[in-house]
């Protein structure tokens, strides 16, 4: 019996560090004491499924922090004409987006009856109030200065969103890079008020049609266009999965933050970041 136990036990190698009195540990580097103590269910008595709900949203916020980090870097790199490095940042964002979309399948295991037992403790807390999500939308071009009102009670979030509102979007930086590369981007596009939401600009479609007509000649621009299309596709899949998860759990109830719930999320599917990159497809061939 003892021999079998020994065969099923991995001996710790002598070189493995076990004394962390004066060394950096895994938990110390990641500040796990802070991270793992941030889940504080409010239901009384504590509902078993509230922890799932909290962790789902906290992990989403961590991923959104990384998305913002990479998109901000991509904007700077595009501004500096370092396209290859910018595309690497976008590639990372695409992988994160897939993780975020798949993550909805975890929350979708929460049944309407289970959620109803602790939904009341949320008060008016809602994903609508995610400052990082709004900053991602702003960074991709869906700007809405009216959203700043939601964050007036949080100076840090308000400042972050104001900066994102005032900065050129990733698309703005891409179009400026194209102009520096010799593409005839209209002056009114280059000089536009970047605090305004991007709207469809038909004058750009022929430029993209030329790029798509000869990918080999315009490879850098062509590849970037397709990477941006991937970003939008992934974002729309996330929005759709969000909407269907909400519908599955609360049906057509009003959202905790006061929105119309599923209907509000459905309208978000009409928003677009790079409309010309989809419009050009009608012209190809």
C-alpha atoms as a PDB file:
ATOM      1  CA  UNK A   1       0.000   0.000   0.000  1.00  0.00           C
ATOM      2  CA  UNK A   2       2.731   2.448   0.953  1.00  0.00           C
ATOM      3  CA  UNK A   3       4.620   1.588  -2.239  1.00  0.00           C
ATOM      4  CA  UNK A   4       1.567   2.562  -4.338  1.00  0.00           C
ATOM      5  CA  UNK A   5       1.203   5.847  -2.481  1.00  0.00           C
ATOM      6  CA  UNK A   6       4.854   6.647  -3.139  1.00  0.00           C
ATOM      7  CA  UNK A   7       4.459   5.954  -6.854  1.00  0.00           C
ATOM      8  CA  UNK A   8       1.524   8.412  -6.972  1.00  0.00           C
ATOM      9  CA  UNK A   9       3.403  11.203  -5.193  1.00  0.00           C
ATOM     10  CA  UNK A  10       5.774  13.531  -6.985  1.00  0.00           C
ATOM     11  CA  UNK A  11       8.889  14.197  -4.971  1.00  0.00           C
ATOM     12  CA  UNK A  12       9.804  17.871  -4.679  1.00  0.00           C
ATOM     13  CA  UNK A  13      13.193  18.381  -6.291  1.00  0.00           C
ATOM     14  CA  UNK A  14      15.900  19.632  -3.990  1.00  0.00           C
ATOM     15  CA  UNK A  15      16.497  22.685  -6.164  1.00  0.00           C
ATOM     16  CA  UNK A  16      12.896  23.908  -5.834  1.00  0.00           C
ATOM     17  CA  UNK A  17      12.691  27.113  -3.762  1.00  0.00           C
ATOM     18  CA  UNK A  18      10.404  26.678  -0.746  1.00  0.00           C
ATOM     19  CA  UNK A  19      11.480  29.517   1.577  1.00  0.00           C
ATOM     20  CA  UNK A  20       9.877  32.827   0.629  1.00  0.00           C
ATOM     21  CA  UNK A  21      10.629  34.847   3.721  1.00  0.00           C
ATOM     22  CA  UNK A  22      12.897  37.128   1.691  1.00  0.00           C
ATOM     23  CA  UNK A  23      11.993  36.150  -1.886  1.00  0.00           C
ATOM     24  CA  UNK A  24       9.318  37.125  -4.382  1.00  0.00           C
ATOM     25  CA  UNK A  25       6.607  34.461  -4.504  1.00  0.00           C
ATOM     26  CA  UNK A  26       3.930  33.732  -7.090  1.00  0.00           C
ATOM     27  CA  UNK A  27       1.200  35.068  -4.802  1.00  0.00           C
ATOM     28  CA  UNK A  28       3.244  38.126  -3.937  1.00  0.00           C
ATOM     29  CA  UNK A  29       4.017  39.032  -7.542  1.00  0.00           C
ATOM     30  CA  UNK A  30       0.348  38.723  -8.549  1.00  0.00           C
ATOM     31  CA  UNK A  31      -0.892  40.314  -5.309  1.00  0.00           C
ATOM     32  CA  UNK A  32      -3.262  37.390  -4.903  1.00  0.00           C
ATOM     33  CA  UNK A  33      -4.157  38.462  -1.385  1.00  0.00           C
ATOM     34  CA  UNK A  34      -5.822  41.550  -2.856  1.00  0.00           C
ATOM     35  CA  UNK A  35      -7.175  39.863  -5.975  1.00  0.00           C
ATOM     36  CA  UNK A  36      -8.787  36.879  -4.248  1.00  0.00           C
ATOM     37  CA  UNK A  37     -10.291  38.962  -1.466  1.00  0.00           C
ATOM     38  CA  UNK A  38     -12.125  41.217  -3.942  1.00  0.00           C
ATOM     39  CA  UNK A  39     -15.083  38.823  -4.291  1.00  0.00           C
ATOM     40  CA  UNK A  40     -17.566  39.936  -1.639  1.00  0.00           C
ATOM     41  CA  UNK A  41     -21.100  38.587  -2.166  1.00  0.00           C
ATOM     42  CA  UNK A  42     -23.809  40.785  -0.668  1.00  0.00           C
ATOM     43  CA  UNK A  43     -26.719  38.335  -0.470  1.00  0.00           C
ATOM     44  CA  UNK A  44     -27.920  37.314   3.017  1.00  0.00           C
ATOM     45  CA  UNK A  45     -27.564  34.435   3.458  1.00  0.00           C
ATOM     46  CA  UNK A  46     -24.888  34.252   0.783  1.00  0.00           C
ATOM     47  CA  UNK A  47     -26.321  32.725  -2.383  1.00  0.00           C
ATOM     48  CA  UNK A  48     -24.125  30.006  -3.843  1.00  0.00           C
ATOM     49  CA  UNK A  49     -24.228  31.420  -7.389  1.00  0.00           C
ATOM     50  CA  UNK A  50     -23.391  35.025  -6.556  1.00  0.00           C
ATOM     51  CA  UNK A  51     -19.677  34.203  -6.543  1.00  0.00           C
ATOM     52  CA  UNK A  52     -19.933  32.991 -10.147  1.00  0.00           C
ATOM     53  CA  UNK A  53     -21.672  36.238 -11.108  1.00  0.00           C
ATOM     54  CA  UNK A  54     -19.008  38.391  -9.455  1.00  0.00           C
ATOM     55  CA  UNK A  55     -16.025  36.494 -10.867  1.00  0.00           C
ATOM     56  CA  UNK A  56     -17.540  36.520 -14.362  1.00  0.00           C
ATOM     57  CA  UNK A  57     -17.685  40.308 -14.349  1.00  0.00           C
ATOM     58  CA  UNK A  58     -14.391  40.855 -12.564  1.00  0.00           C
ATOM     59  CA  UNK A  59     -12.491  38.693 -15.040  1.00  0.00           C
ATOM     60  CA  UNK A  60     -14.205  40.548 -17.885  1.00  0.00           C
ATOM     61  CA  UNK A  61     -12.912  43.815 -16.435  1.00  0.00           C
ATOM     62  CA  UNK A  62      -9.374  42.391 -16.228  1.00  0.00           C
ATOM     63  CA  UNK A  63      -9.510  41.355 -19.878  1.00  0.00           C
ATOM     64  CA  UNK A  64     -10.923  44.763 -20.838  1.00  0.00           C
ATOM     65  CA  UNK A  65      -7.983  46.380 -19.059  1.00  0.00           C
ATOM     66  CA  UNK A  66      -5.639  44.396 -21.289  1.00  0.00           C
ATOM     67  CA  UNK A  67      -7.699  45.186 -24.415  1.00  0.00           C
ATOM     68  CA  UNK A  68      -7.372  48.902 -23.647  1.00  0.00           C
ATOM     69  CA  UNK A  69      -3.656  48.478 -23.029  1.00  0.00           C
ATOM     70  CA  UNK A  70      -3.158  46.851 -26.425  1.00  0.00           C
ATOM     71  CA  UNK A  71      -5.469  49.165 -28.389  1.00  0.00           C
ATOM     72  CA  UNK A  72      -3.788  52.230 -26.888  1.00  0.00           C
ATOM     73  CA  UNK A  73      -0.410  50.819 -27.874  1.00  0.00           C
ATOM     74  CA  UNK A  74      -1.685  50.046 -31.377  1.00  0.00           C
ATOM     75  CA  UNK A  75      -2.841  53.659 -31.794  1.00  0.00           C
ATOM     76  CA  UNK A  76       0.574  54.999 -30.807  1.00  0.00           C
ATOM     77  CA  UNK A  77       2.350  52.535 -33.106  1.00  0.00           C
ATOM     78  CA  UNK A  78       0.120  53.453 -36.056  1.00  0.00           C
ATOM     79  CA  UNK A  79       0.868  57.117 -35.355  1.00  0.00           C
ATOM     80  CA  UNK A  80       4.572  56.262 -35.519  1.00  0.00           C
ATOM     81  CA  UNK A  81       4.143  54.179 -38.719  1.00  0.00           C
ATOM     82  CA  UNK A  82       5.177  50.988 -36.912  1.00  0.00           C
ATOM     83  CA  UNK A  83       2.493  48.905 -38.562  1.00  0.00           C
ATOM     84  CA  UNK A  84       3.886  45.427 -37.888  1.00  0.00           C
ATOM     85  CA  UNK A  85       4.016  46.045 -34.143  1.00  0.00           C
ATOM     86  CA  UNK A  86       0.553  47.624 -34.199  1.00  0.00           C
ATOM     87  CA  UNK A  87      -0.850  44.521 -35.901  1.00  0.00           C
ATOM     88  CA  UNK A  88       0.718  42.353 -33.192  1.00  0.00           C
ATOM     89  CA  UNK A  89      -1.220  44.327 -30.577  1.00  0.00           C
ATOM     90  CA  UNK A  90      -4.411  43.896 -32.587  1.00  0.00           C
ATOM     91  CA  UNK A  91      -3.746  40.151 -32.849  1.00  0.00           C
ATOM     92  CA  UNK A  92      -3.579  39.946 -29.059  1.00  0.00           C
ATOM     93  CA  UNK A  93      -6.867  41.827 -28.783  1.00  0.00           C
ATOM     94  CA  UNK A  94      -8.518  39.369 -31.171  1.00  0.00           C
ATOM     95  CA  UNK A  95      -7.519  36.421 -28.972  1.00  0.00           C
ATOM     96  CA  UNK A  96      -8.793  38.221 -25.871  1.00  0.00           C
ATOM     97  CA  UNK A  97     -12.092  38.912 -27.643  1.00  0.00           C
ATOM     98  CA  UNK A  98     -12.561  35.210 -28.320  1.00  0.00           C
ATOM     99  CA  UNK A  99     -11.990  34.464 -24.635  1.00  0.00           C
ATOM    100  CA  UNK A 100     -14.470  37.155 -23.604  1.00  0.00           C
ATOM    101  CA  UNK A 101     -17.119  35.799 -25.956  1.00  0.00           C
ATOM    102  CA  UNK A 102     -16.672  32.197 -24.816  1.00  0.00           C
ATOM    103  CA  UNK A 103     -16.846  33.367 -21.199  1.00  0.00           C
ATOM    104  CA  UNK A 104     -20.561  34.119 -21.623  1.00  0.00           C
ATOM    105  CA  UNK A 105     -21.162  30.359 -21.704  1.00  0.00           C
ATOM    106  CA  UNK A 106     -20.188  30.218 -18.022  1.00  0.00           C
ATOM    107  CA  UNK A 107     -22.683  32.893 -16.985  1.00  0.00           C
ATOM    108  CA  UNK A 108     -25.352  31.296 -19.186  1.00  0.00           C
ATOM    109  CA  UNK A 109     -25.408  28.329 -16.787  1.00  0.00           C
ATOM    110  CA  UNK A 110     -27.121  30.642 -14.277  1.00  0.00           C
ATOM    111  CA  UNK A 111     -30.844  29.943 -14.425  1.00  0.00           C
ATOM    112  CA  UNK A 112     -33.533  32.644 -14.094  1.00  0.00           C
ATOM    113  CA  UNK A 113     -34.661  31.218 -10.730  1.00  0.00           C
ATOM    114  CA  UNK A 114     -31.103  31.226  -9.352  1.00  0.00           C
ATOM    115  CA  UNK A 115     -30.331  34.769 -10.474  1.00  0.00           C
ATOM    116  CA  UNK A 116     -33.639  36.094  -9.146  1.00  0.00           C
ATOM    117  CA  UNK A 117     -32.620  35.014  -5.643  1.00  0.00           C
ATOM    118  CA  UNK A 118     -29.762  37.543  -5.445  1.00  0.00           C
ATOM    119  CA  UNK A 119     -30.439  40.055  -8.242  1.00  0.00           C
ATOM    120  CA  UNK A 120     -31.910  42.498  -5.749  1.00  0.00           C
ATOM    121  CA  UNK A 121     -28.568  43.066  -4.002  1.00  0.00           C
ATOM    122  CA  UNK A 122     -27.158  44.606  -7.205  1.00  0.00           C
ATOM    123  CA  UNK A 123     -29.301  47.708  -6.724  1.00  0.00           C
ATOM    124  CA  UNK A 124     -28.651  49.810  -9.827  1.00  0.00           C
ATOM    125  CA  UNK A 125     -25.258  48.232 -10.571  1.00  0.00           C
ATOM    126  CA  UNK A 126     -25.092  47.284 -14.240  1.00  0.00           C
ATOM    127  CA  UNK A 127     -22.570  46.429 -16.920  1.00  0.00           C
ATOM    128  CA  UNK A 128     -23.846  49.591 -18.620  1.00  0.00           C
ATOM    129  CA  UNK A 129     -21.653  51.397 -16.085  1.00  0.00           C
ATOM    130  CA  UNK A 130     -18.420  49.654 -17.105  1.00  0.00           C
ATOM    131  CA  UNK A 131     -16.012  52.525 -17.751  1.00  0.00           C
ATOM    132  CA  UNK A 132     -13.495  50.219 -19.407  1.00  0.00           C
ATOM    133  CA  UNK A 133     -16.070  48.842 -21.831  1.00  0.00           C
ATOM    134  CA  UNK A 134     -17.033  52.398 -22.803  1.00  0.00           C
ATOM    135  CA  UNK A 135     -13.360  53.284 -23.211  1.00  0.00           C
ATOM    136  CA  UNK A 136     -12.927  50.345 -25.605  1.00  0.00           C
ATOM    137  CA  UNK A 137     -15.903  51.579 -27.645  1.00  0.00           C
ATOM    138  CA  UNK A 138     -14.465  55.110 -27.672  1.00  0.00           C
ATOM    139  CA  UNK A 139     -11.033  53.837 -28.699  1.00  0.00           C
ATOM    140  CA  UNK A 140     -12.607  51.995 -31.631  1.00  0.00           C
ATOM    141  CA  UNK A 141     -14.680  55.015 -32.687  1.00  0.00           C
ATOM    142  CA  UNK A 142     -18.134  54.603 -31.083  1.00  0.00           C
ATOM    143  CA  UNK A 143     -17.874  57.849 -29.112  1.00  0.00           C
ATOM    144  CA  UNK A 144     -20.699  59.312 -27.066  1.00  0.00           C
ATOM    145  CA  UNK A 145     -19.942  62.301 -24.850  1.00  0.00           C
ATOM    146  CA  UNK A 146     -23.289  61.811 -23.124  1.00  0.00           C
ATOM    147  CA  UNK A 147     -21.920  58.652 -21.484  1.00  0.00           C
ATOM    148  CA  UNK A 148     -19.598  60.768 -19.330  1.00  0.00           C
ATOM    149  CA  UNK A 149     -22.565  61.691 -17.112  1.00  0.00           C
ATOM    150  CA  UNK A 150     -22.731  58.109 -15.880  1.00  0.00           C
ATOM    151  CA  UNK A 151     -19.234  58.440 -14.409  1.00  0.00           C
ATOM    152  CA  UNK A 152     -19.383  61.868 -12.786  1.00  0.00           C
ATOM    153  CA  UNK A 153     -19.285  60.256  -9.333  1.00  0.00           C
ATOM    154  CA  UNK A 154     -16.048  58.408 -10.205  1.00  0.00           C
ATOM    155  CA  UNK A 155     -13.301  60.962 -11.014  1.00  0.00           C
ATOM    156  CA  UNK A 156     -10.811  58.321 -12.141  1.00  0.00           C
ATOM    157  CA  UNK A 157     -13.203  56.662 -14.572  1.00  0.00           C
ATOM    158  CA  UNK A 158     -14.458  60.036 -15.780  1.00  0.00           C
ATOM    159  CA  UNK A 159     -10.902  61.206 -16.517  1.00  0.00           C
ATOM    160  CA  UNK A 160     -10.059  57.983 -18.353  1.00  0.00           C
ATOM    161  CA  UNK A 161     -13.163  58.220 -20.539  1.00  0.00           C
ATOM    162  CA  UNK A 162     -12.606  61.914 -21.217  1.00  0.00           C
ATOM    163  CA  UNK A 163      -9.099  61.118 -22.453  1.00  0.00           C
ATOM    164  CA  UNK A 164     -10.458  58.330 -24.680  1.00  0.00           C
ATOM    165  CA  UNK A 165     -13.139  60.685 -26.012  1.00  0.00           C
ATOM    166  CA  UNK A 166     -10.576  63.347 -26.918  1.00  0.00           C
ATOM    167  CA  UNK A 167      -8.045  60.984 -28.497  1.00  0.00           C
ATOM    168  CA  UNK A 168      -8.106  59.829 -32.128  1.00  0.00           C
ATOM    169  CA  UNK A 169      -9.561  56.341 -32.500  1.00  0.00           C
ATOM    170  CA  UNK A 170      -7.593  53.396 -33.848  1.00  0.00           C
ATOM    171  CA  UNK A 171      -9.419  53.933 -37.158  1.00  0.00           C
ATOM    172  CA  UNK A 172      -8.473  57.628 -37.192  1.00  0.00           C
ATOM    173  CA  UNK A 173      -4.829  56.678 -36.742  1.00  0.00           C
ATOM    174  CA  UNK A 174      -5.043  54.055 -39.488  1.00  0.00           C
ATOM    175  CA  UNK A 175      -6.531  56.546 -41.948  1.00  0.00           C
ATOM    176  CA  UNK A 176      -3.863  59.116 -41.068  1.00  0.00           C
ATOM    177  CA  UNK A 177      -1.202  56.472 -41.671  1.00  0.00           C
ATOM    178  CA  UNK A 178      -2.744  55.712 -45.071  1.00  0.00           C
ATOM    179  CA  UNK A 179      -2.616  59.420 -45.915  1.00  0.00           C
ATOM    180  CA  UNK A 180       1.084  59.574 -44.998  1.00  0.00           C
ATOM    181  CA  UNK A 181       1.607  56.544 -47.237  1.00  0.00           C
ATOM    182  CA  UNK A 182       0.167  58.377 -50.229  1.00  0.00           C
ATOM    183  CA  UNK A 183      -3.475  57.273 -50.231  1.00  0.00           C
ATOM    184  CA  UNK A 184      -5.928  60.105 -51.080  1.00  0.00           C
ATOM    185  CA  UNK A 185      -7.727  60.286 -47.741  1.00  0.00           C
ATOM    186  CA  UNK A 186      -9.995  63.377 -47.830  1.00  0.00           C
ATOM    187  CA  UNK A 187      -8.815  66.374 -45.800  1.00  0.00           C
ATOM    188  CA  UNK A 188     -12.159  66.581 -44.002  1.00  0.00           C
ATOM    189  CA  UNK A 189     -11.571  63.061 -42.697  1.00  0.00           C
ATOM    190  CA  UNK A 190      -8.076  63.874 -41.459  1.00  0.00           C
ATOM    191  CA  UNK A 191      -9.230  67.114 -39.825  1.00  0.00           C
ATOM    192  CA  UNK A 192     -12.477  65.822 -38.366  1.00  0.00           C
ATOM    193  CA  UNK A 193     -13.497  66.345 -34.735  1.00  0.00           C
ATOM    194  CA  UNK A 194     -12.283  63.104 -33.161  1.00  0.00           C
ATOM    195  CA  UNK A 195     -14.639  63.584 -30.213  1.00  0.00           C
ATOM    196  CA  UNK A 196     -17.557  62.773 -32.509  1.00  0.00           C
ATOM    197  CA  UNK A 197     -18.656  59.224 -33.255  1.00  0.00           C
ATOM    198  CA  UNK A 198     -17.403  57.930 -36.579  1.00  0.00           C
ATOM    199  CA  UNK A 199     -20.051  57.990 -39.298  1.00  0.00           C
ATOM    200  CA  UNK A 200     -20.043  56.356 -42.697  1.00  0.00           C
ATOM    201  CA  UNK A 201     -17.900  58.289 -45.188  1.00  0.00           C
ATOM    202  CA  UNK A 202     -18.643  57.148 -48.771  1.00  0.00           C
ATOM    203  CA  UNK A 203     -15.545  58.916 -50.160  1.00  0.00           C
ATOM    204  CA  UNK A 204     -13.387  56.277 -48.471  1.00  0.00           C
ATOM    205  CA  UNK A 205     -15.015  53.328 -50.219  1.00  0.00           C
ATOM    206  CA  UNK A 206     -13.263  53.810 -53.598  1.00  0.00           C
ATOM    207  CA  UNK A 207      -9.912  54.016 -51.792  1.00  0.00           C
ATOM    208  CA  UNK A 208     -10.543  50.721 -50.048  1.00  0.00           C
ATOM    209  CA  UNK A 209     -11.861  49.239 -53.316  1.00  0.00           C
ATOM    210  CA  UNK A 210      -8.501  50.015 -54.923  1.00  0.00           C
ATOM    211  CA  UNK A 211      -6.694  48.343 -52.020  1.00  0.00           C
ATOM    212  CA  UNK A 212      -8.867  45.222 -52.237  1.00  0.00           C
ATOM    213  CA  UNK A 213      -8.587  45.071 -56.022  1.00  0.00           C
ATOM    214  CA  UNK A 214      -4.808  44.565 -55.814  1.00  0.00           C
ATOM    215  CA  UNK A 215      -3.839  43.091 -52.426  1.00  0.00           C
ATOM    216  CA  UNK A 216      -0.251  42.331 -53.442  1.00  0.00           C
ATOM    217  CA  UNK A 217       0.484  45.942 -54.324  1.00  0.00           C
ATOM    218  CA  UNK A 218      -1.294  47.265 -51.241  1.00  0.00           C
ATOM    219  CA  UNK A 219      -0.532  44.398 -48.878  1.00  0.00           C
ATOM    220  CA  UNK A 220       0.154  46.404 -45.707  1.00  0.00           C
ATOM    221  CA  UNK A 221      -3.068  48.381 -46.036  1.00  0.00           C
ATOM    222  CA  UNK A 222      -5.009  45.290 -47.145  1.00  0.00           C
ATOM    223  CA  UNK A 223      -3.840  43.223 -44.172  1.00  0.00           C
ATOM    224  CA  UNK A 224      -4.681  46.007 -41.739  1.00  0.00           C
ATOM    225  CA  UNK A 225      -8.169  46.378 -43.204  1.00  0.00           C
ATOM    226  CA  UNK A 226      -8.829  42.686 -42.657  1.00  0.00           C
ATOM    227  CA  UNK A 227      -7.471  42.818 -39.104  1.00  0.00           C
ATOM    228  CA  UNK A 228      -9.855  45.667 -38.328  1.00  0.00           C
ATOM    229  CA  UNK A 229     -12.746  43.707 -39.845  1.00  0.00           C
ATOM    230  CA  UNK A 230     -11.814  40.827 -37.541  1.00  0.00           C
ATOM    231  CA  UNK A 231     -11.919  43.203 -34.557  1.00  0.00           C
ATOM    232  CA  UNK A 232     -15.406  44.390 -35.460  1.00  0.00           C
ATOM    233  CA  UNK A 233     -16.668  40.873 -36.172  1.00  0.00           C
ATOM    234  CA  UNK A 234     -15.411  39.701 -32.799  1.00  0.00           C
ATOM    235  CA  UNK A 235     -16.922  42.693 -31.025  1.00  0.00           C
ATOM    236  CA  UNK A 236     -20.304  42.076 -32.625  1.00  0.00           C
ATOM    237  CA  UNK A 237     -20.181  38.409 -31.653  1.00  0.00           C
ATOM    238  CA  UNK A 238     -19.475  39.487 -28.071  1.00  0.00           C
ATOM    239  CA  UNK A 239     -22.416  41.906 -28.153  1.00  0.00           C
ATOM    240  CA  UNK A 240     -24.712  39.235 -29.572  1.00  0.00           C
ATOM    241  CA  UNK A 241     -23.626  36.643 -27.006  1.00  0.00           C
ATOM    242  CA  UNK A 242     -24.168  39.207 -24.264  1.00  0.00           C
ATOM    243  CA  UNK A 243     -27.676  39.939 -25.490  1.00  0.00           C
ATOM    244  CA  UNK A 244     -28.622  36.253 -25.736  1.00  0.00           C
ATOM    245  CA  UNK A 245     -27.205  35.497 -22.282  1.00  0.00           C
ATOM    246  CA  UNK A 246     -29.245  38.331 -20.767  1.00  0.00           C
ATOM    247  CA  UNK A 247     -32.347  37.129 -22.612  1.00  0.00           C
ATOM    248  CA  UNK A 248     -31.756  33.594 -21.367  1.00  0.00           C
ATOM    249  CA  UNK A 249     -31.436  34.675 -17.726  1.00  0.00           C
ATOM    250  CA  UNK A 250     -33.897  37.567 -17.285  1.00  0.00           C
ATOM    251  CA  UNK A 251     -35.984  37.497 -20.454  1.00  0.00           C
ATOM    252  CA  UNK A 252     -37.218  40.984 -21.338  1.00  0.00           C
ATOM    253  CA  UNK A 253     -37.073  42.517 -17.858  1.00  0.00           C
ATOM    254  CA  UNK A 254     -35.746  46.048 -17.402  1.00  0.00           C
ATOM    255  CA  UNK A 255     -32.024  46.124 -16.642  1.00  0.00           C
ATOM    256  CA  UNK A 256     -30.772  46.859 -13.125  1.00  0.00           C
ATOM    257  CA  UNK A 257     -29.252  50.092 -14.433  1.00  0.00           C
ATOM    258  CA  UNK A 258     -32.587  51.276 -15.820  1.00  0.00           C
ATOM    259  CA  UNK A 259     -32.153  50.321 -19.477  1.00  0.00           C
ATOM    260  CA  UNK A 260     -34.743  48.386 -21.456  1.00  0.00           C
ATOM    261  CA  UNK A 261     -32.537  45.301 -21.158  1.00  0.00           C
ATOM    262  CA  UNK A 262     -32.503  43.006 -24.179  1.00  0.00           C
ATOM    263  CA  UNK A 263     -34.017  45.668 -26.454  1.00  0.00           C
ATOM    264  CA  UNK A 264     -31.225  48.073 -25.497  1.00  0.00           C
ATOM    265  CA  UNK A 265     -28.593  45.438 -26.255  1.00  0.00           C
ATOM    266  CA  UNK A 266     -30.245  44.650 -29.594  1.00  0.00           C
ATOM    267  CA  UNK A 267     -29.843  48.279 -30.671  1.00  0.00           C
ATOM    268  CA  UNK A 268     -26.130  48.094 -29.861  1.00  0.00           C
ATOM    269  CA  UNK A 269     -25.789  45.532 -32.652  1.00  0.00           C
ATOM    270  CA  UNK A 270     -26.558  48.330 -35.122  1.00  0.00           C
ATOM    271  CA  UNK A 271     -23.445  50.261 -34.094  1.00  0.00           C
ATOM    272  CA  UNK A 272     -20.398  49.882 -36.295  1.00  0.00           C
ATOM    273  CA  UNK A 273     -16.743  50.865 -36.029  1.00  0.00           C
ATOM    274  CA  UNK A 274     -15.455  50.601 -39.593  1.00  0.00           C
ATOM    275  CA  UNK A 275     -18.494  50.819 -41.914  1.00  0.00           C
ATOM    276  CA  UNK A 276     -16.474  51.503 -45.071  1.00  0.00           C
ATOM    277  CA  UNK A 277     -14.570  48.233 -44.644  1.00  0.00           C
ATOM    278  CA  UNK A 278     -17.884  46.399 -44.912  1.00  0.00           C
ATOM    279  CA  UNK A 279     -19.404  48.647 -47.573  1.00  0.00           C
ATOM    280  CA  UNK A 280     -16.440  47.986 -49.865  1.00  0.00           C
ATOM    281  CA  UNK A 281     -17.385  44.337 -50.067  1.00  0.00           C
ATOM    282  CA  UNK A 282     -20.376  45.257 -52.196  1.00  0.00           C
ATOM    283  CA  UNK A 283     -17.982  46.837 -54.708  1.00  0.00           C
ATOM    284  CA  UNK A 284     -15.512  43.967 -54.928  1.00  0.00           C
ATOM    285  CA  UNK A 285     -15.802  41.852 -58.086  1.00  0.00           C
END
